[in-house]
Amino acid sequence: MLDITLEQIINAIGQPTYKKGNRYFFGCPSCGVEDGHKDNLIFDERKGLLKCFACDFSQEYPAPRPS
């Protein structure tokens, strides 16, 4: 489970396009513009999951520091 909040995601990539249950749907900053994918980046508030199911983009927030 990621230690991430909806507010942090909104500050980083903008408002979700819609919400369904505990899931918030966003345009993916990795694949959304070039490939026409919309709303594939999903944040599940209960699970702490942030993942794009089109390009497999996921993010720990804040990003881990290199060793």
C-alpha atoms as a PDB file:
ATOM      1  CA  MET A   1       0.000   0.000   0.000  1.00  0.00           C
ATOM      2  CA  LEU A   2       1.332   3.392  -0.977  1.00  0.00           C
ATOM      3  CA  ASP A   3       1.415   6.266   1.458  1.00  0.00           C
ATOM      4  CA  ILE A   4      -0.308   8.630  -0.954  1.00  0.00           C
ATOM      5  CA  THR A   5      -3.337  10.851  -0.778  1.00  0.00           C
ATOM      6  CA  LEU A   6      -5.814  11.975  -3.391  1.00  0.00           C
ATOM      7  CA  GLU A   7      -4.758  15.564  -2.700  1.00  0.00           C
ATOM      8  CA  GLN A   8      -1.135  14.743  -3.598  1.00  0.00           C
ATOM      9  CA  ILE A   9      -2.181  13.161  -6.884  1.00  0.00           C
ATOM     10  CA  ILE A  10      -4.427  16.099  -7.780  1.00  0.00           C
ATOM     11  CA  ASN A  11      -1.563  18.504  -7.021  1.00  0.00           C
ATOM     12  CA  ALA A  12       0.729  16.497  -9.308  1.00  0.00           C
ATOM     13  CA  ILE A  13      -1.501  15.706 -12.323  1.00  0.00           C
ATOM     14  CA  GLY A  14      -4.805  17.544 -11.926  1.00  0.00           C
ATOM     15  CA  GLN A  15      -8.410  16.675 -11.189  1.00  0.00           C
ATOM     16  CA  PRO A  16      -9.789  13.184 -11.824  1.00  0.00           C
ATOM     17  CA  THR A  17     -12.143  12.865 -14.772  1.00  0.00           C
ATOM     18  CA  TYR A  18     -14.588  10.835 -12.699  1.00  0.00           C
ATOM     19  CA  LYS A  19     -15.011   8.670  -9.604  1.00  0.00           C
ATOM     20  CA  LYS A  20     -16.531   5.215  -9.261  1.00  0.00           C
ATOM     21  CA  GLY A  21     -16.717   3.765  -5.752  1.00  0.00           C
ATOM     22  CA  ASN A  22     -13.281   4.123  -4.141  1.00  0.00           C
ATOM     23  CA  ARG A  23     -11.562   4.596  -7.502  1.00  0.00           C
ATOM     24  CA  TYR A  24     -10.613   7.898  -9.106  1.00  0.00           C
ATOM     25  CA  PHE A  25      -9.860   7.930 -12.828  1.00  0.00           C
ATOM     26  CA  PHE A  26      -7.267  10.252 -14.375  1.00  0.00           C
ATOM     27  CA  GLY A  27      -5.675  10.755 -17.756  1.00  0.00           C
ATOM     28  CA  CYS A  28      -2.275   9.052 -17.621  1.00  0.00           C
ATOM     29  CA  PRO A  29       0.661  11.478 -17.868  1.00  0.00           C
ATOM     30  CA  SER A  30       2.775   8.700 -19.381  1.00  0.00           C
ATOM     31  CA  CYS A  31       0.588   7.383 -22.214  1.00  0.00           C
ATOM     32  CA  GLY A  32      -2.612   9.443 -22.229  1.00  0.00           C
ATOM     33  CA  VAL A  33      -1.605  12.153 -24.663  1.00  0.00           C
ATOM     34  CA  GLU A  34       0.336  10.247 -27.319  1.00  0.00           C
ATOM     35  CA  ASP A  35      -1.778   7.103 -27.581  1.00  0.00           C
ATOM     36  CA  GLY A  36      -5.219   8.582 -27.018  1.00  0.00           C
ATOM     37  CA  HIS A  37      -5.785   6.599 -23.822  1.00  0.00           C
ATOM     38  CA  LYS A  38      -8.146   8.359 -21.472  1.00  0.00           C
ATOM     39  CA  ASP A  39      -8.969   7.634 -17.867  1.00  0.00           C
ATOM     40  CA  ASN A  40      -6.639   4.639 -17.610  1.00  0.00           C
ATOM     41  CA  LEU A  41      -4.707   5.920 -14.608  1.00  0.00           C
ATOM     42  CA  ILE A  42      -6.629   4.707 -11.579  1.00  0.00           C
ATOM     43  CA  PHE A  43      -6.147   5.646  -7.954  1.00  0.00           C
ATOM     44  CA  ASP A  44      -7.840   3.269  -5.527  1.00  0.00           C
ATOM     45  CA  GLU A  45      -8.156   5.138  -2.252  1.00  0.00           C
ATOM     46  CA  ARG A  46      -8.781   2.015  -0.168  1.00  0.00           C
ATOM     47  CA  LYS A  47      -5.849   0.020  -1.585  1.00  0.00           C
ATOM     48  CA  GLY A  48      -3.476   2.955  -2.076  1.00  0.00           C
ATOM     49  CA  LEU A  49      -2.960   1.831  -5.674  1.00  0.00           C
ATOM     50  CA  LEU A  50      -1.979   4.217  -8.462  1.00  0.00           C
ATOM     51  CA  LYS A  51      -1.645   2.446 -11.799  1.00  0.00           C
ATOM     52  CA  CYS A  52      -2.300   2.890 -15.494  1.00  0.00           C
ATOM     53  CA  PHE A  53      -3.762  -0.251 -16.985  1.00  0.00           C
ATOM     54  CA  ALA A  54      -2.912   0.797 -20.545  1.00  0.00           C
ATOM     55  CA  CYS A  55       0.859   1.347 -20.233  1.00  0.00           C
ATOM     56  CA  ASP A  56       1.543  -0.229 -16.808  1.00  0.00           C
ATOM     57  CA  PHE A  57       2.692   3.119 -15.372  1.00  0.00           C
ATOM     58  CA  SER A  58       2.637   3.171 -11.593  1.00  0.00           C
ATOM     59  CA  GLN A  59       4.153   5.534  -9.127  1.00  0.00           C
ATOM     60  CA  GLU A  60       5.240   5.524  -5.544  1.00  0.00           C
ATOM     61  CA  TYR A  61       4.679   8.955  -4.094  1.00  0.00           C
ATOM     62  CA  PRO A  62       7.001  10.459  -3.202  1.00  0.00           C
ATOM     63  CA  ALA A  63       9.278   8.673  -5.661  1.00  0.00           C
ATOM     64  CA  PRO A  64      11.881   6.466  -3.995  1.00  0.00           C
ATOM     65  CA  ARG A  65      15.361   7.926  -3.713  1.00  0.00           C
ATOM     66  CA  PRO A  66      18.216   6.127  -5.476  1.00  0.00           C
ATOM     67  CA  SER A  67      20.542   4.178  -3.191  1.00  0.00           C
END
